Amino acid sequence: MVTITTGIFAGMDDTVLRAQLTAAQLALIQLQSGQSNVSMSYAQGDGAKSITKKVGSVGECTALILQLKRALGIAPAGRRPIRFIRR
């Protein structure tokens, strides 16, 4: 278990973020299949805090997924630069 130290998810454990990533990906699938009433919730380990967010669009859900992936360090790397070789 690793605690995220930077960004908007600072202080959260990576296991919690991975669970939220799975929930966000499932929410995206439901949104894209026409089920627009999707909600995701987060409850901290001691149960003291709870946040519920309804995702209104595919763009918002995709942005959340990318933020979670970046925080976990599993965001896809960009393409490497194309270099031309002169011969």
PDB file of N, CA and C in Angstrom:
ATOM      1  N   MET A   1       0.851  -1.170   0.000  1.00  0.00           N
ATOM      2  CA  MET A   1       0.000   0.000   0.000  1.00  0.00           C
ATOM      3  C   MET A   1       0.898   1.235   0.000  1.00  0.00           C
ATOM      4  N   VAL A   2       0.709   2.078  -1.002  1.00  0.00           N
ATOM      5  CA  VAL A   2       1.493   3.292  -1.159  1.00  0.00           C
ATOM      6  C   VAL A   2       0.556   4.484  -1.071  1.00  0.00           C
ATOM      7  N   THR A   3       0.955   5.514  -0.355  1.00  0.00           N
ATOM      8  CA  THR A   3       0.148   6.721  -0.244  1.00  0.00           C
ATOM      9  C   THR A   3       0.627   7.734  -1.267  1.00  0.00           C
ATOM     10  N   ILE A   4      -0.311   8.284  -2.020  1.00  0.00           N
ATOM     11  CA  ILE A   4      -0.002   9.293  -3.018  1.00  0.00           C
ATOM     12  C   ILE A   4       0.381  10.579  -2.282  1.00  0.00           C
ATOM     13  N   THR A   5       1.474  11.230  -2.699  1.00  0.00           N
ATOM     14  CA  THR A   5       1.967  12.392  -1.966  1.00  0.00           C
ATOM     15  C   THR A   5       1.767  13.720  -2.696  1.00  0.00           C
ATOM     16  N   THR A   6       1.438  13.686  -3.978  1.00  0.00           N
ATOM     17  CA  THR A   6       1.265  14.935  -4.719  1.00  0.00           C
ATOM     18  C   THR A   6      -0.040  14.912  -5.501  1.00  0.00           C
ATOM     19  N   GLY A   7      -0.462  16.092  -5.929  1.00  0.00           N
ATOM     20  CA  GLY A   7      -1.657  16.204  -6.762  1.00  0.00           C
ATOM     21  C   GLY A   7      -2.941  16.249  -5.949  1.00  0.00           C
ATOM     22  N   ILE A   8      -4.049  16.187  -6.662  1.00  0.00           N
ATOM     23  CA  ILE A   8      -5.343  16.306  -5.995  1.00  0.00           C
ATOM     24  C   ILE A   8      -5.718  15.066  -5.196  1.00  0.00           C
ATOM     25  N   PHE A   9      -5.019  13.954  -5.427  1.00  0.00           N
ATOM     26  CA  PHE A   9      -5.298  12.729  -4.691  1.00  0.00           C
ATOM     27  C   PHE A   9      -4.288  12.489  -3.570  1.00  0.00           C
ATOM     28  N   ALA A  10      -3.558  13.519  -3.171  1.00  0.00           N
ATOM     29  CA  ALA A  10      -2.543  13.389  -2.119  1.00  0.00           C
ATOM     30  C   ALA A  10      -3.187  12.897  -0.827  1.00  0.00           C
ATOM     31  N   GLY A  11      -2.530  11.955  -0.180  1.00  0.00           N
ATOM     32  CA  GLY A  11      -3.021  11.401   1.071  1.00  0.00           C
ATOM     33  C   GLY A  11      -3.869  10.159   0.910  1.00  0.00           C
ATOM     34  N   MET A  12      -4.191   9.804  -0.312  1.00  0.00           N
ATOM     35  CA  MET A  12      -5.010   8.617  -0.554  1.00  0.00           C
ATOM     36  C   MET A  12      -4.106   7.431  -0.870  1.00  0.00           C
ATOM     37  N   ASP A  13      -4.553   6.246  -0.467  1.00  0.00           N
ATOM     38  CA  ASP A  13      -3.805   5.029  -0.755  1.00  0.00           C
ATOM     39  C   ASP A  13      -4.026   4.603  -2.202  1.00  0.00           C
ATOM     40  N   ASP A  14      -3.017   3.949  -2.774  1.00  0.00           N
ATOM     41  CA  ASP A  14      -3.142   3.515  -4.159  1.00  0.00           C
ATOM     42  C   ASP A  14      -4.206   2.440  -4.333  1.00  0.00           C
ATOM     43  N   THR A  15      -4.476   1.645  -3.289  1.00  0.00           N
ATOM     44  CA  THR A  15      -5.520   0.633  -3.401  1.00  0.00           C
ATOM     45  C   THR A  15      -6.892   1.288  -3.555  1.00  0.00           C
ATOM     46  N   VAL A  16      -7.104   2.391  -2.866  1.00  0.00           N
ATOM     47  CA  VAL A  16      -8.366   3.129  -2.975  1.00  0.00           C
ATOM     48  C   VAL A  16      -8.482   3.744  -4.368  1.00  0.00           C
ATOM     49  N   LEU A  17      -7.373   4.307  -4.855  1.00  0.00           N
ATOM     50  CA  LEU A  17      -7.398   4.903  -6.193  1.00  0.00           C
ATOM     51  C   LEU A  17      -7.646   3.853  -7.261  1.00  0.00           C
ATOM     52  N   ARG A  18      -7.074   2.670  -7.097  1.00  0.00           N
ATOM     53  CA  ARG A  18      -7.311   1.599  -8.077  1.00  0.00           C
ATOM     54  C   ARG A  18      -8.780   1.186  -8.076  1.00  0.00           C
ATOM     55  N   ALA A  19      -9.396   1.129  -6.903  1.00  0.00           N
ATOM     56  CA  ALA A  19     -10.819   0.800  -6.821  1.00  0.00           C
ATOM     57  C   ALA A  19     -11.659   1.886  -7.496  1.00  0.00           C
ATOM     58  N   GLN A  20     -11.277   3.142  -7.303  1.00  0.00           N
ATOM     59  CA  GLN A  20     -11.994   4.242  -7.933  1.00  0.00           C
ATOM     60  C   GLN A  20     -11.791   4.246  -9.443  1.00  0.00           C
ATOM     61  N   LEU A  21     -10.613   3.839  -9.896  1.00  0.00           N
ATOM     62  CA  LEU A  21     -10.349   3.736 -11.325  1.00  0.00           C
ATOM     63  C   LEU A  21     -11.267   2.694 -11.953  1.00  0.00           C
ATOM     64  N   THR A  22     -11.422   1.572 -11.297  1.00  0.00           N
ATOM     65  CA  THR A  22     -12.327   0.533 -11.785  1.00  0.00           C
ATOM     66  C   THR A  22     -13.766   1.044 -11.830  1.00  0.00           C
ATOM     67  N   ALA A  23     -14.185   1.744 -10.786  1.00  0.00           N
ATOM     68  CA  ALA A  23     -15.542   2.295 -10.745  1.00  0.00           C
ATOM     69  C   ALA A  23     -15.755   3.319 -11.860  1.00  0.00           C
ATOM     70  N   ALA A  24     -14.743   4.160 -12.107  1.00  0.00           N
ATOM     71  CA  ALA A  24     -14.856   5.172 -13.160  1.00  0.00           C
ATOM     72  C   ALA A  24     -14.910   4.525 -14.536  1.00  0.00           C
ATOM     73  N   GLN A  25     -14.144   3.466 -14.740  1.00  0.00           N
ATOM     74  CA  GLN A  25     -14.176   2.780 -16.029  1.00  0.00           C
ATOM     75  C   GLN A  25     -15.524   2.103 -16.259  1.00  0.00           C
ATOM     76  N   LEU A  26     -16.085   1.524 -15.205  1.00  0.00           N
ATOM     77  CA  LEU A  26     -17.422   0.931 -15.324  1.00  0.00           C
ATOM     78  C   LEU A  26     -18.475   2.004 -15.592  1.00  0.00           C
ATOM     79  N   ALA A  27     -18.325   3.156 -14.951  1.00  0.00           N
ATOM     80  CA  ALA A  27     -19.258   4.262 -15.175  1.00  0.00           C
ATOM     81  C   ALA A  27     -19.183   4.745 -16.625  1.00  0.00           C
ATOM     82  N   LEU A  28     -17.980   4.786 -17.179  1.00  0.00           N
ATOM     83  CA  LEU A  28     -17.814   5.192 -18.574  1.00  0.00           C
ATOM     84  C   LEU A  28     -18.510   4.212 -19.503  1.00  0.00           C
ATOM     85  N   ILE A  29     -18.381   2.939 -19.224  1.00  0.00           N
ATOM     86  CA  ILE A  29     -19.058   1.924 -20.041  1.00  0.00           C
ATOM     87  C   ILE A  29     -20.564   2.101 -19.960  1.00  0.00           C
ATOM     88  N   GLN A  30     -21.078   2.361 -18.764  1.00  0.00           N
ATOM     89  CA  GLN A  30     -22.520   2.561 -18.612  1.00  0.00           C
ATOM     90  C   GLN A  30     -22.989   3.809 -19.331  1.00  0.00           C
ATOM     91  N   LEU A  31     -22.199   4.875 -19.271  1.00  0.00           N
ATOM     92  CA  LEU A  31     -22.561   6.105 -19.978  1.00  0.00           C
ATOM     93  C   LEU A  31     -22.585   5.888 -21.476  1.00  0.00           C
ATOM     94  N   GLN A  32     -21.576   5.197 -21.991  1.00  0.00           N
ATOM     95  CA  GLN A  32     -21.492   4.986 -23.423  1.00  0.00           C
ATOM     96  C   GLN A  32     -22.537   4.006 -23.925  1.00  0.00           C
ATOM     97  N   SER A  33     -23.088   3.196 -23.037  1.00  0.00           N
ATOM     98  CA  SER A  33     -24.131   2.263 -23.448  1.00  0.00           C
ATOM     99  C   SER A  33     -25.527   2.847 -23.272  1.00  0.00           C
ATOM    100  N   GLY A  34     -25.604   4.131 -22.907  1.00  0.00           N
ATOM    101  CA  GLY A  34     -26.898   4.802 -22.843  1.00  0.00           C
ATOM    102  C   GLY A  34     -27.517   4.904 -21.468  1.00  0.00           C
ATOM    103  N   GLN A  35     -26.859   4.429 -20.451  1.00  0.00           N
ATOM    104  CA  GLN A  35     -27.386   4.523 -19.091  1.00  0.00           C
ATOM    105  C   GLN A  35     -26.799   5.777 -18.460  1.00  0.00           C
ATOM    106  N   SER A  36     -27.514   6.885 -18.552  1.00  0.00           N
ATOM    107  CA  SER A  36     -26.948   8.169 -18.135  1.00  0.00           C
ATOM    108  C   SER A  36     -27.018   8.425 -16.636  1.00  0.00           C
ATOM    109  N   ASN A  37     -27.732   7.642 -15.888  1.00  0.00           N
ATOM    110  CA  ASN A  37     -27.853   7.853 -14.448  1.00  0.00           C
ATOM    111  C   ASN A  37     -26.795   7.026 -13.732  1.00  0.00           C
ATOM    112  N   VAL A  38     -25.579   7.546 -13.695  1.00  0.00           N
ATOM    113  CA  VAL A  38     -24.447   6.831 -13.105  1.00  0.00           C
ATOM    114  C   VAL A  38     -23.909   7.639 -11.935  1.00  0.00           C
ATOM    115  N   SER A  39     -23.628   6.970 -10.841  1.00  0.00           N
ATOM    116  CA  SER A  39     -23.002   7.673  -9.720  1.00  0.00           C
ATOM    117  C   SER A  39     -21.830   6.863  -9.210  1.00  0.00           C
ATOM    118  N   MET A  40     -20.812   7.574  -8.746  1.00  0.00           N
ATOM    119  CA  MET A  40     -19.631   6.945  -8.142  1.00  0.00           C
ATOM    120  C   MET A  40     -19.485   7.539  -6.757  1.00  0.00           C
ATOM    121  N   SER A  41     -19.071   6.726  -5.822  1.00  0.00           N
ATOM    122  CA  SER A  41     -18.894   7.258  -4.479  1.00  0.00           C
ATOM    123  C   SER A  41     -17.566   6.783  -3.899  1.00  0.00           C
ATOM    124  N   TYR A  42     -17.067   7.537  -2.959  1.00  0.00           N
ATOM    125  CA  TYR A  42     -15.817   7.215  -2.277  1.00  0.00           C
ATOM    126  C   TYR A  42     -16.045   7.331  -0.787  1.00  0.00           C
ATOM    127  N   ALA A  43     -15.691   6.307  -0.074  1.00  0.00           N
ATOM    128  CA  ALA A  43     -15.763   6.357   1.381  1.00  0.00           C
ATOM    129  C   ALA A  43     -14.387   6.008   1.925  1.00  0.00           C
ATOM    130  N   GLN A  44     -13.877   6.829   2.805  1.00  0.00           N
ATOM    131  CA  GLN A  44     -12.562   6.592   3.381  1.00  0.00           C
ATOM    132  C   GLN A  44     -12.630   5.406   4.330  1.00  0.00           C
ATOM    133  N   GLY A  45     -11.494   4.826   4.625  1.00  0.00           N
ATOM    134  CA  GLY A  45     -11.433   3.605   5.430  1.00  0.00           C
ATOM    135  C   GLY A  45     -12.192   3.665   6.735  1.00  0.00           C
ATOM    136  N   ASP A  46     -12.156   4.798   7.438  1.00  0.00           N
ATOM    137  CA  ASP A  46     -12.866   4.887   8.712  1.00  0.00           C
ATOM    138  C   ASP A  46     -14.339   5.227   8.528  1.00  0.00           C
ATOM    139  N   GLY A  47     -14.761   5.449   7.294  1.00  0.00           N
ATOM    140  CA  GLY A  47     -16.163   5.730   7.006  1.00  0.00           C
ATOM    141  C   GLY A  47     -16.604   7.130   7.348  1.00  0.00           C
ATOM    142  N   ALA A  48     -15.653   7.996   7.755  1.00  0.00           N
ATOM    143  CA  ALA A  48     -16.015   9.335   8.190  1.00  0.00           C
ATOM    144  C   ALA A  48     -16.339  10.266   7.027  1.00  0.00           C
ATOM    145  N   LYS A  49     -15.727  10.035   5.876  1.00  0.00           N
ATOM    146  CA  LYS A  49     -15.928  10.934   4.745  1.00  0.00           C
ATOM    147  C   LYS A  49     -16.543  10.183   3.582  1.00  0.00           C
ATOM    148  N   SER A  50     -17.432  10.840   2.899  1.00  0.00           N
ATOM    149  CA  SER A  50     -18.050  10.238   1.731  1.00  0.00           C
ATOM    150  C   SER A  50     -18.337  11.317   0.700  1.00  0.00           C
ATOM    151  N   ILE A  51     -17.956  11.047  -0.519  1.00  0.00           N
ATOM    152  CA  ILE A  51     -18.188  11.976  -1.624  1.00  0.00           C
ATOM    153  C   ILE A  51     -18.905  11.225  -2.725  1.00  0.00           C
ATOM    154  N   THR A  52     -19.969  11.797  -3.225  1.00  0.00           N
ATOM    155  CA  THR A  52     -20.690  11.190  -4.328  1.00  0.00           C
ATOM    156  C   THR A  52     -20.722  12.169  -5.481  1.00  0.00           C
ATOM    157  N   LYS A  53     -20.396  11.682  -6.660  1.00  0.00           N
ATOM    158  CA  LYS A  53     -20.406  12.538  -7.836  1.00  0.00           C
ATOM    159  C   LYS A  53     -21.138  11.834  -8.963  1.00  0.00           C
ATOM    160  N   LYS A  54     -22.062  12.530  -9.537  1.00  0.00           N
ATOM    161  CA  LYS A  54     -22.727  12.010 -10.720  1.00  0.00           C
ATOM    162  C   LYS A  54     -21.965  12.502 -11.934  1.00  0.00           C
ATOM    163  N   VAL A  55     -21.600  11.589 -12.779  1.00  0.00           N
ATOM    164  CA  VAL A  55     -20.874  11.937 -13.981  1.00  0.00           C
ATOM    165  C   VAL A  55     -21.883  12.304 -15.051  1.00  0.00           C
ATOM    166  N   GLY A  56     -21.757  13.525 -15.556  1.00  0.00           N
ATOM    167  CA  GLY A  56     -22.736  14.011 -16.513  1.00  0.00           C
ATOM    168  C   GLY A  56     -22.394  13.744 -17.953  1.00  0.00           C
ATOM    169  N   SER A  57     -21.120  13.536 -18.255  1.00  0.00           N
ATOM    170  CA  SER A  57     -20.763  13.333 -19.651  1.00  0.00           C
ATOM    171  C   SER A  57     -19.600  12.358 -19.766  1.00  0.00           C
ATOM    172  N   VAL A  58     -19.434  11.856 -20.965  1.00  0.00           N
ATOM    173  CA  VAL A  58     -18.335  10.944 -21.242  1.00  0.00           C
ATOM    174  C   VAL A  58     -17.002  11.669 -21.061  1.00  0.00           C
ATOM    175  N   GLY A  59     -16.940  12.941 -21.438  1.00  0.00           N
ATOM    176  CA  GLY A  59     -15.711  13.719 -21.303  1.00  0.00           C
ATOM    177  C   GLY A  59     -15.269  13.850 -19.853  1.00  0.00           C
ATOM    178  N   GLU A  60     -16.209  14.132 -18.945  1.00  0.00           N
ATOM    179  CA  GLU A  60     -15.871  14.247 -17.522  1.00  0.00           C
ATOM    180  C   GLU A  60     -15.360  12.919 -16.977  1.00  0.00           C
ATOM    181  N   CYS A  61     -16.019  11.845 -17.365  1.00  0.00           N
ATOM    182  CA  CYS A  61     -15.628  10.521 -16.879  1.00  0.00           C
ATOM    183  C   CYS A  61     -14.251  10.139 -17.421  1.00  0.00           C
ATOM    184  N   THR A  62     -13.999  10.440 -18.687  1.00  0.00           N
ATOM    185  CA  THR A  62     -12.700  10.146 -19.283  1.00  0.00           C
ATOM    186  C   THR A  62     -11.603  10.963 -18.610  1.00  0.00           C
ATOM    187  N   ALA A  63     -11.887  12.218 -18.303  1.00  0.00           N
ATOM    188  CA  ALA A  63     -10.908  13.069 -17.617  1.00  0.00           C
ATOM    189  C   ALA A  63     -10.581  12.509 -16.236  1.00  0.00           C
ATOM    190  N   LEU A  64     -11.591  12.035 -15.517  1.00  0.00           N
ATOM    191  CA  LEU A  64     -11.365  11.438 -14.201  1.00  0.00           C
ATOM    192  C   LEU A  64     -10.496  10.194 -14.314  1.00  0.00           C
ATOM    193  N   ILE A  65     -10.761   9.366 -15.305  1.00  0.00           N
ATOM    194  CA  ILE A  65      -9.973   8.150 -15.510  1.00  0.00           C
ATOM    195  C   ILE A  65      -8.508   8.503 -15.774  1.00  0.00           C
ATOM    196  N   LEU A  66      -8.275   9.501 -16.617  1.00  0.00           N
ATOM    197  CA  LEU A  66      -6.901   9.916 -16.919  1.00  0.00           C
ATOM    198  C   LEU A  66      -6.201  10.484 -15.690  1.00  0.00           C
ATOM    199  N   GLN A  67      -6.934  11.263 -14.859  1.00  0.00           N
ATOM    200  CA  GLN A  67      -6.343  11.798 -13.627  1.00  0.00           C
ATOM    201  C   GLN A  67      -5.953  10.670 -12.673  1.00  0.00           C
ATOM    202  N   LEU A  68      -6.824   9.688 -12.532  1.00  0.00           N
ATOM    203  CA  LEU A  68      -6.528   8.563 -11.652  1.00  0.00           C
ATOM    204  C   LEU A  68      -5.334   7.762 -12.164  1.00  0.00           C
ATOM    205  N   LYS A  69      -5.271   7.557 -13.472  1.00  0.00           N
ATOM    206  CA  LYS A  69      -4.142   6.818 -14.048  1.00  0.00           C
ATOM    207  C   LYS A  69      -2.834   7.568 -13.852  1.00  0.00           C
ATOM    208  N   ARG A  70      -2.870   8.895 -14.024  1.00  0.00           N
ATOM    209  CA  ARG A  70      -1.650   9.685 -13.806  1.00  0.00           C
ATOM    210  C   ARG A  70      -1.198   9.597 -12.350  1.00  0.00           C
ATOM    211  N   ALA A  71      -2.149   9.670 -11.422  1.00  0.00           N
ATOM    212  CA  ALA A  71      -1.807   9.602  -9.995  1.00  0.00           C
ATOM    213  C   ALA A  71      -1.207   8.239  -9.641  1.00  0.00           C
ATOM    214  N   LEU A  72      -1.687   7.194 -10.300  1.00  0.00           N
ATOM    215  CA  LEU A  72      -1.179   5.855 -10.039  1.00  0.00           C
ATOM    216  C   LEU A  72       0.084   5.536 -10.832  1.00  0.00           C
ATOM    217  N   GLY A  73       0.443   6.405 -11.770  1.00  0.00           N
ATOM    218  CA  GLY A  73       1.636   6.182 -12.575  1.00  0.00           C
ATOM    219  C   GLY A  73       1.444   5.184 -13.693  1.00  0.00           C
ATOM    220  N   ILE A  74       0.196   4.974 -14.135  1.00  0.00           N
ATOM    221  CA  ILE A  74      -0.055   4.019 -15.212  1.00  0.00           C
ATOM    222  C   ILE A  74      -0.634   4.696 -16.450  1.00  0.00           C
ATOM    223  N   ALA A  75      -0.481   6.019 -16.511  1.00  0.00           N
ATOM    224  CA  ALA A  75      -0.961   6.740 -17.690  1.00  0.00           C
ATOM    225  C   ALA A  75      -0.110   6.337 -18.886  1.00  0.00           C
ATOM    226  N   PRO A  76      -0.738   6.199 -20.040  1.00  0.00           N
ATOM    227  CA  PRO A  76       0.035   5.813 -21.220  1.00  0.00           C
ATOM    228  C   PRO A  76       1.052   6.883 -21.587  1.00  0.00           C
ATOM    229  N   ALA A  77       2.201   6.444 -21.986  1.00  0.00           N
ATOM    230  CA  ALA A  77       3.241   7.386 -22.394  1.00  0.00           C
ATOM    231  C   ALA A  77       2.924   7.905 -23.793  1.00  0.00           C
ATOM    232  N   GLY A  78       3.343   9.103 -24.058  1.00  0.00           N
ATOM    233  CA  GLY A  78       3.136   9.669 -25.380  1.00  0.00           C
ATOM    234  C   GLY A  78       4.010   8.968 -26.407  1.00  0.00           C
ATOM    235  N   ARG A  79       3.722   9.238 -27.642  1.00  0.00           N
ATOM    236  CA  ARG A  79       4.529   8.647 -28.705  1.00  0.00           C
ATOM    237  C   ARG A  79       5.939   9.197 -28.649  1.00  0.00           C
ATOM    238  N   ARG A  80       6.868   8.389 -29.008  1.00  0.00           N
ATOM    239  CA  ARG A  80       8.229   8.898 -29.063  1.00  0.00           C
ATOM    240  C   ARG A  80       8.384   9.744 -30.313  1.00  0.00           C
ATOM    241  N   PRO A  81       9.284  10.687 -30.303  1.00  0.00           N
ATOM    242  CA  PRO A  81       9.425  11.585 -31.445  1.00  0.00           C
ATOM    243  C   PRO A  81       9.909  10.842 -32.694  1.00  0.00           C
ATOM    244  N   ILE A  82       9.419  11.293 -33.818  1.00  0.00           N
ATOM    245  CA  ILE A  82       9.850  10.729 -35.091  1.00  0.00           C
ATOM    246  C   ILE A  82      11.135  11.436 -35.501  1.00  0.00           C
ATOM    247  N   ARG A  83      12.155  10.667 -35.747  1.00  0.00           N
ATOM    248  CA  ARG A  83      13.440  11.249 -36.150  1.00  0.00           C
ATOM    249  C   ARG A  83      13.773  10.758 -37.537  1.00  0.00           C
ATOM    250  N   PHE A  84      14.235  11.638 -38.339  1.00  0.00           N
ATOM    251  CA  PHE A  84      14.619  11.298 -39.697  1.00  0.00           C
ATOM    252  C   PHE A  84      16.126  11.075 -39.746  1.00  0.00           C
ATOM    253  N   ILE A  85      16.535  10.085 -40.483  1.00  0.00           N
ATOM    254  CA  ILE A  85      17.949   9.767 -40.631  1.00  0.00           C
ATOM    255  C   ILE A  85      18.372  10.110 -42.047  1.00  0.00           C
ATOM    256  N   ARG A  86      19.374  10.960 -42.159  1.00  0.00           N
ATOM    257  CA  ARG A  86      19.914  11.284 -43.485  1.00  0.00           C
ATOM    258  C   ARG A  86      20.970  10.291 -43.879  1.00  0.00           C
ATOM    259  N   ARG A  87      20.905   9.870 -45.102  1.00  0.00           N
ATOM    260  CA  ARG A  87      21.902   8.902 -45.583  1.00  0.00           C
ATOM    261  C   ARG A  87      22.573   9.424 -46.805  1.00  0.00           C
TER     262      ARG A  87
END
